[in-house]
Amino acid sequence: MFQVRIHGRGGQATHGMARLLVRAAALDGWHAHLVAGGGPHRAGDPAVAHVELSVRPRTPAPFESAPDAVLVQDETLLYGTDVLAGLRRDGLALLNSASTWQQLGFGDRVAHLAPMRALAVPATRLTPAGQWPGATNAALLGAFVAATGLVTATAMAVAISRAVAARAAADHVLAARRGREHTVAEIRRLCAPLEAALR
């Protein structure tokens, strides 16, 4: 079982992002559920969504307090919400930001994670003009695809194409590809010193 917690704000389609992850994971054979998350949020208020992926069918249970991955849609949440609460020591912390966790002053909070497990991706900048917030979420999910390998890029693209209006689908798929490619490049950059040390 793999659990994902998504942090965002009202108006950022946090639960829509979670549903998109569920749909993509299901296409890849996962038993995926949007576990909990509450009702509508006022614009700007913190919002949380939880996704559970499992290999076998199971009745969704209350979300555990120790997720395997945390996705943060808005870096301003770092200053008022403990988005990393309960994250497993081998977990993934993925942030929508042009700045790293360290540059934002949160390096100590992710110091226990491997460098390639505490990632920032400038999802908003990777989004085609006029397609916020949906395509921004797609870019962040593309980064999740690259960082975990749990969901394929093809499944994500198909899920996006089915969920998004035809006139915007291409931009959303493009954003997901950009997020994935950016993250692959960043992971390679972070791994380079380790690979060099092993030569």
N, C-alpha and C. Protein backbone atom coordinates (compact mmCIF):
# COMPACT_ATOMS: atom_id res chain seq x y z
N MET A 1 0.84 -1.19 0.00
CA MET A 1 0.00 0.00 0.00
C MET A 1 0.88 1.25 0.00
N PHE A 2 0.45 2.25 -0.75
CA PHE A 2 1.18 3.51 -0.83
C PHE A 2 0.18 4.63 -0.62
N GLN A 3 0.50 5.51 0.32
CA GLN A 3 -0.42 6.59 0.65
C GLN A 3 0.18 7.95 0.31
N VAL A 4 -0.65 8.79 -0.28
CA VAL A 4 -0.24 10.12 -0.72
C VAL A 4 -1.13 11.16 -0.05
N ARG A 5 -0.51 12.19 0.50
CA ARG A 5 -1.27 13.31 1.06
C ARG A 5 -0.95 14.55 0.23
N ILE A 6 -2.00 15.23 -0.23
CA ILE A 6 -1.83 16.42 -1.07
C ILE A 6 -2.31 17.64 -0.29
N HIS A 7 -1.45 18.64 -0.21
CA HIS A 7 -1.78 19.89 0.47
C HIS A 7 -1.93 21.00 -0.56
N GLY A 8 -3.02 21.74 -0.45
CA GLY A 8 -3.23 22.89 -1.32
C GLY A 8 -4.10 23.92 -0.64
N ARG A 9 -4.71 24.76 -1.42
CA ARG A 9 -5.63 25.76 -0.90
C ARG A 9 -6.93 25.73 -1.69
N GLY A 10 -7.99 26.19 -1.07
CA GLY A 10 -9.25 26.29 -1.78
C GLY A 10 -9.06 27.10 -3.06
N GLY A 11 -9.54 26.58 -4.16
CA GLY A 11 -9.35 27.23 -5.45
C GLY A 11 -8.22 26.63 -6.27
N GLN A 12 -7.43 25.74 -5.66
CA GLN A 12 -6.33 25.10 -6.37
C GLN A 12 -6.67 23.68 -6.82
N ALA A 13 -7.92 23.31 -6.72
CA ALA A 13 -8.38 22.00 -7.20
C ALA A 13 -7.61 20.84 -6.57
N THR A 14 -7.42 20.91 -5.26
CA THR A 14 -6.67 19.89 -4.55
C THR A 14 -7.31 18.52 -4.71
N HIS A 15 -8.63 18.47 -4.52
CA HIS A 15 -9.32 17.18 -4.62
C HIS A 15 -9.41 16.72 -6.08
N GLY A 16 -9.48 17.66 -7.00
CA GLY A 16 -9.45 17.30 -8.41
C GLY A 16 -8.12 16.67 -8.78
N MET A 17 -7.04 17.19 -8.20
CA MET A 17 -5.72 16.61 -8.43
C MET A 17 -5.66 15.20 -7.88
N ALA A 18 -6.23 14.99 -6.70
CA ALA A 18 -6.24 13.66 -6.10
C ALA A 18 -7.04 12.69 -6.96
N ARG A 19 -8.18 13.14 -7.48
CA ARG A 19 -8.99 12.26 -8.33
C ARG A 19 -8.25 11.91 -9.61
N LEU A 20 -7.47 12.84 -10.14
CA LEU A 20 -6.70 12.58 -11.35
C LEU A 20 -5.63 11.52 -11.08
N LEU A 21 -4.99 11.59 -9.92
CA LEU A 21 -4.02 10.57 -9.54
C LEU A 21 -4.69 9.21 -9.40
N VAL A 22 -5.87 9.17 -8.82
CA VAL A 22 -6.62 7.93 -8.67
C VAL A 22 -6.92 7.32 -10.04
N ARG A 23 -7.38 8.15 -10.96
CA ARG A 23 -7.73 7.64 -12.28
C ARG A 23 -6.51 7.11 -13.03
N ALA A 24 -5.39 7.82 -12.95
CA ALA A 24 -4.18 7.37 -13.63
C ALA A 24 -3.68 6.06 -13.02
N ALA A 25 -3.68 5.99 -11.68
CA ALA A 25 -3.21 4.78 -11.01
C ALA A 25 -4.08 3.58 -11.37
N ALA A 26 -5.39 3.80 -11.46
CA ALA A 26 -6.30 2.72 -11.81
C ALA A 26 -6.00 2.18 -13.22
N LEU A 27 -5.64 3.06 -14.12
CA LEU A 27 -5.29 2.63 -15.48
C LEU A 27 -4.06 1.73 -15.48
N ASP A 28 -3.20 1.92 -14.49
CA ASP A 28 -2.00 1.10 -14.38
C ASP A 28 -2.20 -0.14 -13.52
N GLY A 29 -3.44 -0.40 -13.13
CA GLY A 29 -3.73 -1.63 -12.41
C GLY A 29 -3.77 -1.51 -10.90
N TRP A 30 -3.55 -0.32 -10.38
CA TRP A 30 -3.66 -0.14 -8.93
C TRP A 30 -5.12 -0.11 -8.50
N HIS A 31 -5.38 -0.54 -7.29
CA HIS A 31 -6.67 -0.29 -6.66
C HIS A 31 -6.49 1.03 -5.92
N ALA A 32 -7.07 2.07 -6.46
CA ALA A 32 -6.81 3.42 -6.00
C ALA A 32 -8.08 4.06 -5.46
N HIS A 33 -7.93 4.79 -4.36
CA HIS A 33 -9.08 5.42 -3.71
C HIS A 33 -8.73 6.81 -3.24
N LEU A 34 -9.68 7.72 -3.38
CA LEU A 34 -9.62 9.00 -2.69
C LEU A 34 -10.20 8.73 -1.32
N VAL A 35 -9.33 8.66 -0.30
CA VAL A 35 -9.73 8.14 1.01
C VAL A 35 -10.56 9.12 1.80
N ALA A 36 -10.11 10.35 1.88
CA ALA A 36 -10.81 11.35 2.69
C ALA A 36 -10.36 12.71 2.23
N GLY A 37 -10.99 13.73 2.78
CA GLY A 37 -10.54 15.06 2.41
C GLY A 37 -11.49 16.18 2.80
N GLY A 38 -12.69 15.85 3.19
CA GLY A 38 -13.61 16.90 3.61
C GLY A 38 -14.34 17.52 2.44
N GLY A 39 -15.13 18.53 2.75
CA GLY A 39 -15.97 19.16 1.75
C GLY A 39 -15.31 20.35 1.09
N PRO A 40 -16.13 21.23 0.51
CA PRO A 40 -15.59 22.40 -0.18
C PRO A 40 -14.83 23.31 0.78
N HIS A 41 -13.83 24.00 0.24
CA HIS A 41 -13.04 24.94 1.03
C HIS A 41 -13.20 26.35 0.44
N ARG A 42 -13.19 27.34 1.31
CA ARG A 42 -13.21 28.71 0.82
C ARG A 42 -11.89 29.00 0.11
N ALA A 43 -11.95 29.90 -0.87
CA ALA A 43 -10.75 30.24 -1.62
C ALA A 43 -9.65 30.68 -0.67
N GLY A 44 -8.50 30.07 -0.82
CA GLY A 44 -7.34 30.43 -0.02
C GLY A 44 -7.16 29.63 1.25
N ASP A 45 -8.22 28.97 1.72
CA ASP A 45 -8.11 28.17 2.94
C ASP A 45 -7.31 26.90 2.65
N PRO A 46 -6.51 26.42 3.62
CA PRO A 46 -5.79 25.16 3.41
C PRO A 46 -6.75 24.01 3.11
N ALA A 47 -6.35 23.16 2.19
CA ALA A 47 -7.15 21.99 1.81
C ALA A 47 -6.21 20.78 1.76
N VAL A 48 -6.77 19.62 2.11
CA VAL A 48 -5.98 18.39 2.11
C VAL A 48 -6.78 17.29 1.43
N ALA A 49 -6.10 16.48 0.63
CA ALA A 49 -6.72 15.30 0.02
C ALA A 49 -5.78 14.12 0.23
N HIS A 50 -6.37 12.93 0.35
CA HIS A 50 -5.60 11.73 0.61
C HIS A 50 -5.92 10.67 -0.45
N VAL A 51 -4.87 10.04 -0.95
CA VAL A 51 -5.02 8.98 -1.95
C VAL A 51 -4.32 7.73 -1.45
N GLU A 52 -4.97 6.59 -1.65
CA GLU A 52 -4.39 5.30 -1.26
C GLU A 52 -4.29 4.42 -2.50
N LEU A 53 -3.10 3.87 -2.72
CA LEU A 53 -2.88 2.92 -3.81
C LEU A 53 -2.55 1.57 -3.20
N SER A 54 -3.22 0.53 -3.67
CA SER A 54 -2.94 -0.81 -3.14
C SER A 54 -2.93 -1.82 -4.29
N VAL A 55 -2.18 -2.88 -4.09
CA VAL A 55 -2.07 -3.92 -5.11
C VAL A 55 -3.32 -4.77 -5.14
N ARG A 56 -3.92 -5.02 -3.98
CA ARG A 56 -5.12 -5.85 -3.88
C ARG A 56 -6.32 -5.01 -3.48
N PRO A 57 -7.51 -5.47 -3.85
CA PRO A 57 -8.71 -4.73 -3.43
C PRO A 57 -8.79 -4.67 -1.91
N ARG A 58 -9.20 -3.54 -1.39
CA ARG A 58 -9.37 -3.39 0.05
C ARG A 58 -10.36 -2.26 0.29
N THR A 59 -11.02 -2.36 1.42
CA THR A 59 -11.95 -1.31 1.80
C THR A 59 -11.14 -0.12 2.30
N PRO A 60 -11.33 1.05 1.71
CA PRO A 60 -10.57 2.21 2.16
C PRO A 60 -10.75 2.43 3.66
N ALA A 61 -9.66 2.61 4.34
CA ALA A 61 -9.68 2.84 5.78
C ALA A 61 -9.35 4.30 6.04
N PRO A 62 -9.60 4.77 7.26
CA PRO A 62 -9.18 6.15 7.59
C PRO A 62 -7.69 6.32 7.29
N PHE A 63 -7.37 7.45 6.72
CA PHE A 63 -6.00 7.68 6.28
C PHE A 63 -5.04 7.67 7.45
N GLU A 64 -3.93 6.96 7.27
CA GLU A 64 -2.92 6.91 8.32
C GLU A 64 -2.17 8.23 8.40
N SER A 65 -1.55 8.47 9.55
CA SER A 65 -0.84 9.73 9.76
C SER A 65 0.59 9.67 9.27
N ALA A 66 0.97 8.59 8.58
CA ALA A 66 2.34 8.43 8.09
C ALA A 66 2.32 8.16 6.59
N PRO A 67 2.08 9.19 5.78
CA PRO A 67 2.02 8.98 4.33
C PRO A 67 3.39 8.64 3.75
N ASP A 68 3.36 7.98 2.60
CA ASP A 68 4.59 7.67 1.88
C ASP A 68 5.05 8.85 1.04
N ALA A 69 4.13 9.71 0.68
CA ALA A 69 4.48 10.89 -0.13
C ALA A 69 3.59 12.05 0.25
N VAL A 70 4.18 13.23 0.22
CA VAL A 70 3.45 14.48 0.44
C VAL A 70 3.68 15.37 -0.76
N LEU A 71 2.60 15.85 -1.36
CA LEU A 71 2.67 16.78 -2.48
C LEU A 71 2.11 18.12 -2.02
N VAL A 72 2.85 19.18 -2.24
CA VAL A 72 2.45 20.51 -1.76
C VAL A 72 2.26 21.43 -2.96
N GLN A 73 1.03 21.89 -3.15
CA GLN A 73 0.69 22.69 -4.32
C GLN A 73 1.14 24.14 -4.20
N ASP A 74 1.39 24.63 -2.99
CA ASP A 74 1.62 26.06 -2.76
C ASP A 74 2.67 26.22 -1.66
N GLU A 75 3.81 26.83 -1.99
CA GLU A 75 4.89 26.95 -1.01
C GLU A 75 4.51 27.80 0.20
N THR A 76 3.50 28.66 0.07
CA THR A 76 3.10 29.47 1.22
C THR A 76 2.52 28.62 2.34
N LEU A 77 2.09 27.40 2.02
CA LEU A 77 1.56 26.51 3.04
C LEU A 77 2.63 26.10 4.04
N LEU A 78 3.89 26.17 3.65
CA LEU A 78 4.97 25.76 4.54
C LEU A 78 5.01 26.62 5.80
N TYR A 79 4.50 27.84 5.71
CA TYR A 79 4.63 28.79 6.82
C TYR A 79 3.43 28.79 7.77
N GLY A 80 2.44 27.96 7.49
CA GLY A 80 1.30 27.92 8.40
C GLY A 80 0.74 26.54 8.63
N THR A 81 1.24 25.55 7.90
CA THR A 81 0.74 24.19 7.98
C THR A 81 1.93 23.23 8.05
N ASP A 82 1.84 22.24 8.93
CA ASP A 82 2.92 21.25 9.01
C ASP A 82 2.69 20.20 7.94
N VAL A 83 3.05 20.55 6.72
CA VAL A 83 2.77 19.66 5.58
C VAL A 83 3.58 18.36 5.65
N LEU A 84 4.65 18.35 6.42
CA LEU A 84 5.50 17.17 6.49
C LEU A 84 5.16 16.27 7.68
N ALA A 85 4.13 16.61 8.41
CA ALA A 85 3.77 15.84 9.61
C ALA A 85 3.57 14.37 9.26
N GLY A 86 4.28 13.49 9.97
CA GLY A 86 4.09 12.06 9.82
C GLY A 86 4.74 11.43 8.60
N LEU A 87 5.34 12.22 7.72
CA LEU A 87 5.94 11.65 6.51
C LEU A 87 6.97 10.59 6.89
N ARG A 88 6.87 9.43 6.24
CA ARG A 88 7.79 8.34 6.55
C ARG A 88 9.24 8.76 6.29
N ARG A 89 10.15 8.16 7.01
CA ARG A 89 11.56 8.56 6.90
C ARG A 89 12.14 8.27 5.52
N ASP A 90 11.52 7.34 4.80
CA ASP A 90 11.96 7.06 3.44
C ASP A 90 10.95 7.62 2.43
N GLY A 91 10.17 8.60 2.87
CA GLY A 91 9.10 9.13 2.04
C GLY A 91 9.58 10.13 1.00
N LEU A 92 8.61 10.68 0.28
CA LEU A 92 8.85 11.66 -0.77
C LEU A 92 8.16 12.96 -0.40
N ALA A 93 8.91 14.07 -0.45
CA ALA A 93 8.34 15.40 -0.23
C ALA A 93 8.50 16.18 -1.53
N LEU A 94 7.38 16.48 -2.18
CA LEU A 94 7.39 17.10 -3.50
C LEU A 94 6.66 18.44 -3.43
N LEU A 95 7.37 19.50 -3.76
CA LEU A 95 6.87 20.86 -3.55
C LEU A 95 6.80 21.62 -4.87
N ASN A 96 5.69 22.32 -5.08
CA ASN A 96 5.58 23.23 -6.22
C ASN A 96 6.26 24.53 -5.85
N SER A 97 7.48 24.70 -6.33
CA SER A 97 8.23 25.92 -6.03
C SER A 97 9.44 26.02 -6.96
N ALA A 98 9.80 27.26 -7.27
CA ALA A 98 11.03 27.50 -8.01
C ALA A 98 12.24 27.51 -7.08
N SER A 99 12.00 27.46 -5.77
CA SER A 99 13.06 27.42 -4.77
C SER A 99 13.09 26.06 -4.12
N THR A 100 14.26 25.64 -3.66
CA THR A 100 14.40 24.35 -2.99
C THR A 100 13.89 24.44 -1.56
N TRP A 101 13.71 23.28 -0.94
CA TRP A 101 13.34 23.25 0.47
C TRP A 101 14.37 24.02 1.30
N GLN A 102 15.63 23.87 0.95
CA GLN A 102 16.69 24.54 1.70
C GLN A 102 16.62 26.05 1.53
N GLN A 103 16.40 26.50 0.30
CA GLN A 103 16.32 27.94 0.04
C GLN A 103 15.14 28.59 0.75
N LEU A 104 14.11 27.82 0.99
CA LEU A 104 12.92 28.33 1.67
C LEU A 104 13.05 28.25 3.19
N GLY A 105 14.16 27.70 3.66
CA GLY A 105 14.40 27.63 5.10
C GLY A 105 13.89 26.38 5.76
N PHE A 106 13.62 25.35 4.98
CA PHE A 106 13.08 24.11 5.53
C PHE A 106 14.01 22.92 5.32
N GLY A 107 15.28 23.22 5.09
CA GLY A 107 16.24 22.15 4.88
C GLY A 107 16.34 21.19 6.05
N ASP A 108 16.21 21.73 7.28
CA ASP A 108 16.31 20.86 8.45
C ASP A 108 15.14 19.90 8.54
N ARG A 109 14.00 20.29 7.98
CA ARG A 109 12.82 19.43 8.06
C ARG A 109 12.90 18.25 7.09
N VAL A 110 13.73 18.38 6.06
CA VAL A 110 13.84 17.29 5.07
C VAL A 110 15.24 16.67 5.09
N ALA A 111 16.04 17.03 6.08
CA ALA A 111 17.43 16.57 6.13
C ALA A 111 17.54 15.05 6.23
N HIS A 112 16.51 14.41 6.80
CA HIS A 112 16.55 12.95 6.96
C HIS A 112 16.23 12.21 5.66
N LEU A 113 15.74 12.94 4.67
CA LEU A 113 15.38 12.31 3.40
C LEU A 113 16.58 12.31 2.45
N ALA A 114 16.64 11.31 1.60
CA ALA A 114 17.65 11.32 0.55
C ALA A 114 17.41 12.54 -0.34
N PRO A 115 18.46 13.14 -0.91
CA PRO A 115 18.30 14.36 -1.72
C PRO A 115 17.24 14.22 -2.81
N MET A 116 17.17 13.05 -3.44
CA MET A 116 16.20 12.88 -4.52
C MET A 116 14.79 12.56 -4.02
N ARG A 117 14.62 12.63 -2.68
CA ARG A 117 13.29 12.42 -2.09
C ARG A 117 12.72 13.69 -1.49
N ALA A 118 13.47 14.79 -1.56
CA ALA A 118 12.99 16.10 -1.12
C ALA A 118 13.15 17.03 -2.32
N LEU A 119 12.14 17.07 -3.15
CA LEU A 119 12.24 17.73 -4.45
C LEU A 119 11.31 18.94 -4.55
N ALA A 120 11.78 19.92 -5.29
CA ALA A 120 10.94 21.06 -5.65
C ALA A 120 10.88 21.14 -7.16
N VAL A 121 9.70 21.36 -7.68
CA VAL A 121 9.51 21.49 -9.12
C VAL A 121 8.72 22.77 -9.38
N PRO A 122 9.17 23.64 -10.28
CA PRO A 122 8.46 24.89 -10.55
C PRO A 122 7.23 24.65 -11.42
N ALA A 123 6.27 23.94 -10.85
CA ALA A 123 5.11 23.50 -11.63
C ALA A 123 4.34 24.68 -12.22
N THR A 124 4.23 25.76 -11.47
CA THR A 124 3.49 26.92 -11.98
C THR A 124 4.19 27.50 -13.21
N ARG A 125 5.51 27.58 -13.17
CA ARG A 125 6.26 28.11 -14.30
C ARG A 125 6.21 27.18 -15.51
N LEU A 126 6.02 25.90 -15.26
CA LEU A 126 5.98 24.93 -16.35
C LEU A 126 4.60 24.85 -17.00
N THR A 127 3.65 25.60 -16.46
CA THR A 127 2.27 25.54 -16.93
C THR A 127 2.05 26.48 -18.10
N PRO A 128 1.47 26.00 -19.20
CA PRO A 128 1.15 26.90 -20.32
C PRO A 128 0.26 28.05 -19.85
N ALA A 129 0.44 29.21 -20.43
CA ALA A 129 -0.29 30.40 -20.02
C ALA A 129 -1.80 30.17 -20.05
N GLY A 130 -2.46 30.64 -19.00
CA GLY A 130 -3.92 30.58 -18.94
C GLY A 130 -4.48 29.26 -18.47
N GLN A 131 -3.64 28.31 -18.07
CA GLN A 131 -4.12 26.97 -17.70
C GLN A 131 -3.94 26.67 -16.22
N TRP A 132 -3.82 27.70 -15.39
CA TRP A 132 -3.73 27.50 -13.94
C TRP A 132 -5.14 27.40 -13.37
N PRO A 133 -5.44 26.55 -12.33
CA PRO A 133 -4.49 25.70 -11.63
C PRO A 133 -4.40 24.26 -12.17
N GLY A 134 -5.33 23.91 -13.07
CA GLY A 134 -5.38 22.52 -13.48
C GLY A 134 -4.09 22.00 -14.07
N ALA A 135 -3.50 22.75 -15.00
CA ALA A 135 -2.26 22.29 -15.63
C ALA A 135 -1.09 22.34 -14.65
N THR A 136 -1.14 23.24 -13.69
CA THR A 136 -0.10 23.26 -12.66
C THR A 136 -0.14 21.96 -11.86
N ASN A 137 -1.33 21.51 -11.53
CA ASN A 137 -1.47 20.23 -10.84
C ASN A 137 -0.98 19.08 -11.72
N ALA A 138 -1.24 19.17 -13.01
CA ALA A 138 -0.75 18.14 -13.93
C ALA A 138 0.77 18.11 -13.93
N ALA A 139 1.41 19.28 -13.89
CA ALA A 139 2.87 19.33 -13.85
C ALA A 139 3.39 18.69 -12.57
N LEU A 140 2.72 18.95 -11.46
CA LEU A 140 3.15 18.35 -10.19
C LEU A 140 2.94 16.84 -10.21
N LEU A 141 1.86 16.39 -10.83
CA LEU A 141 1.65 14.94 -10.95
C LEU A 141 2.68 14.32 -11.89
N GLY A 142 3.08 15.05 -12.92
CA GLY A 142 4.14 14.55 -13.79
C GLY A 142 5.44 14.36 -13.02
N ALA A 143 5.69 15.29 -12.08
CA ALA A 143 6.87 15.16 -11.22
C ALA A 143 6.74 13.93 -10.32
N PHE A 144 5.53 13.68 -9.82
CA PHE A 144 5.29 12.49 -8.99
C PHE A 144 5.56 11.22 -9.79
N VAL A 145 5.13 11.20 -11.03
CA VAL A 145 5.39 10.05 -11.91
C VAL A 145 6.89 9.79 -12.00
N ALA A 146 7.67 10.86 -12.21
CA ALA A 146 9.12 10.70 -12.36
C ALA A 146 9.78 10.28 -11.06
N ALA A 147 9.30 10.81 -9.95
CA ALA A 147 9.96 10.57 -8.67
C ALA A 147 9.65 9.21 -8.07
N THR A 148 8.52 8.62 -8.44
CA THR A 148 8.12 7.36 -7.81
C THR A 148 8.10 6.18 -8.76
N GLY A 149 7.76 6.40 -10.02
CA GLY A 149 7.62 5.28 -10.95
C GLY A 149 6.39 4.43 -10.69
N LEU A 150 5.51 4.86 -9.80
CA LEU A 150 4.33 4.07 -9.46
C LEU A 150 3.25 4.15 -10.53
N VAL A 151 3.23 5.26 -11.24
CA VAL A 151 2.25 5.47 -12.30
C VAL A 151 3.02 5.82 -13.56
N THR A 152 2.60 5.28 -14.68
CA THR A 152 3.31 5.54 -15.93
C THR A 152 2.90 6.88 -16.52
N ALA A 153 3.79 7.43 -17.33
CA ALA A 153 3.49 8.68 -18.02
C ALA A 153 2.30 8.51 -18.96
N THR A 154 2.21 7.33 -19.57
CA THR A 154 1.10 7.08 -20.49
C THR A 154 -0.24 7.10 -19.76
N ALA A 155 -0.31 6.42 -18.61
CA ALA A 155 -1.55 6.40 -17.85
C ALA A 155 -1.94 7.80 -17.40
N MET A 156 -0.94 8.59 -16.99
CA MET A 156 -1.24 9.95 -16.55
C MET A 156 -1.78 10.78 -17.71
N ALA A 157 -1.17 10.64 -18.88
CA ALA A 157 -1.63 11.40 -20.04
C ALA A 157 -3.06 11.00 -20.43
N VAL A 158 -3.34 9.70 -20.39
CA VAL A 158 -4.70 9.23 -20.73
C VAL A 158 -5.71 9.74 -19.71
N ALA A 159 -5.36 9.67 -18.43
CA ALA A 159 -6.27 10.15 -17.37
C ALA A 159 -6.56 11.64 -17.53
N ILE A 160 -5.52 12.40 -17.86
CA ILE A 160 -5.70 13.84 -18.06
C ILE A 160 -6.61 14.10 -19.26
N SER A 161 -6.35 13.40 -20.36
CA SER A 161 -7.14 13.61 -21.57
C SER A 161 -8.61 13.28 -21.36
N ARG A 162 -8.90 12.29 -20.51
CA ARG A 162 -10.29 11.92 -20.24
C ARG A 162 -10.96 12.86 -19.26
N ALA A 163 -10.18 13.50 -18.40
CA ALA A 163 -10.76 14.31 -17.33
C ALA A 163 -10.89 15.79 -17.69
N VAL A 164 -10.09 16.24 -18.63
CA VAL A 164 -10.01 17.67 -18.95
C VAL A 164 -10.73 17.95 -20.27
N ALA A 165 -11.37 19.10 -20.35
CA ALA A 165 -12.05 19.49 -21.58
C ALA A 165 -11.08 19.44 -22.75
N ALA A 166 -11.58 19.03 -23.90
CA ALA A 166 -10.72 18.78 -25.06
C ALA A 166 -9.86 19.99 -25.41
N ARG A 167 -10.41 21.19 -25.28
CA ARG A 167 -9.65 22.39 -25.69
C ARG A 167 -8.45 22.65 -24.78
N ALA A 168 -8.46 22.09 -23.57
CA ALA A 168 -7.37 22.33 -22.62
C ALA A 168 -6.50 21.09 -22.39
N ALA A 169 -6.96 19.94 -22.86
CA ALA A 169 -6.27 18.68 -22.54
C ALA A 169 -4.82 18.68 -23.01
N ALA A 170 -4.56 19.19 -24.21
CA ALA A 170 -3.20 19.16 -24.74
C ALA A 170 -2.25 19.96 -23.85
N ASP A 171 -2.70 21.11 -23.35
CA ASP A 171 -1.86 21.93 -22.48
C ASP A 171 -1.61 21.22 -21.15
N HIS A 172 -2.61 20.52 -20.64
CA HIS A 172 -2.44 19.78 -19.38
C HIS A 172 -1.46 18.62 -19.56
N VAL A 173 -1.58 17.90 -20.66
CA VAL A 173 -0.65 16.81 -20.93
C VAL A 173 0.76 17.35 -21.10
N LEU A 174 0.89 18.50 -21.77
CA LEU A 174 2.20 19.13 -21.93
C LEU A 174 2.79 19.51 -20.58
N ALA A 175 1.97 20.05 -19.70
CA ALA A 175 2.45 20.42 -18.37
C ALA A 175 2.93 19.20 -17.60
N ALA A 176 2.20 18.10 -17.70
CA ALA A 176 2.62 16.87 -17.03
C ALA A 176 3.96 16.39 -17.58
N ARG A 177 4.14 16.47 -18.88
CA ARG A 177 5.41 16.05 -19.48
C ARG A 177 6.55 16.95 -19.01
N ARG A 178 6.29 18.25 -18.97
CA ARG A 178 7.33 19.18 -18.50
C ARG A 178 7.70 18.90 -17.04
N GLY A 179 6.69 18.64 -16.20
CA GLY A 179 6.97 18.33 -14.81
C GLY A 179 7.78 17.06 -14.66
N ARG A 180 7.44 16.07 -15.47
CA ARG A 180 8.18 14.79 -15.43
C ARG A 180 9.62 14.99 -15.90
N GLU A 181 9.80 15.68 -17.01
CA GLU A 181 11.14 15.86 -17.55
C GLU A 181 12.01 16.70 -16.63
N HIS A 182 11.43 17.74 -16.04
CA HIS A 182 12.19 18.56 -15.09
C HIS A 182 12.67 17.72 -13.91
N THR A 183 11.80 16.87 -13.42
CA THR A 183 12.14 16.07 -12.24
C THR A 183 13.16 15.00 -12.57
N VAL A 184 13.04 14.38 -13.73
CA VAL A 184 14.06 13.41 -14.16
C VAL A 184 15.43 14.08 -14.21
N ALA A 185 15.48 15.28 -14.79
CA ALA A 185 16.75 16.00 -14.89
C ALA A 185 17.28 16.36 -13.51
N GLU A 186 16.40 16.76 -12.61
CA GLU A 186 16.83 17.13 -11.27
C GLU A 186 17.35 15.92 -10.49
N ILE A 187 16.67 14.79 -10.62
CA ILE A 187 17.13 13.58 -9.94
C ILE A 187 18.50 13.16 -10.48
N ARG A 188 18.67 13.25 -11.78
CA ARG A 188 19.98 12.92 -12.36
C ARG A 188 21.07 13.84 -11.82
N ARG A 189 20.74 15.14 -11.69
CA ARG A 189 21.72 16.10 -11.17
C ARG A 189 22.09 15.76 -9.73
N LEU A 190 21.09 15.40 -8.93
CA LEU A 190 21.34 15.08 -7.53
C LEU A 190 22.11 13.78 -7.36
N CYS A 191 21.89 12.86 -8.29
CA CYS A 191 22.56 11.56 -8.20
C CYS A 191 23.99 11.58 -8.74
N ALA A 192 24.31 12.58 -9.55
CA ALA A 192 25.62 12.62 -10.21
C ALA A 192 26.79 12.52 -9.23
N PRO A 193 26.79 13.29 -8.12
CA PRO A 193 27.93 13.16 -7.18
C PRO A 193 28.06 11.76 -6.59
N LEU A 194 26.92 11.12 -6.33
CA LEU A 194 26.96 9.77 -5.79
C LEU A 194 27.52 8.79 -6.79
N GLU A 195 27.10 8.94 -8.03
CA GLU A 195 27.60 8.05 -9.08
C GLU A 195 29.10 8.26 -9.29
N ALA A 196 29.54 9.52 -9.23
CA ALA A 196 30.96 9.82 -9.42
C ALA A 196 31.80 9.21 -8.29
N ALA A 197 31.26 9.23 -7.08
CA ALA A 197 31.99 8.70 -5.92
C ALA A 197 32.15 7.18 -6.01
N LEU A 198 31.23 6.53 -6.72
CA LEU A 198 31.28 5.08 -6.82
C LEU A 198 32.16 4.58 -7.97
N ARG A 199 32.63 5.49 -8.80
CA ARG A 199 33.45 5.09 -9.94
C ARG A 199 34.87 4.76 -9.52
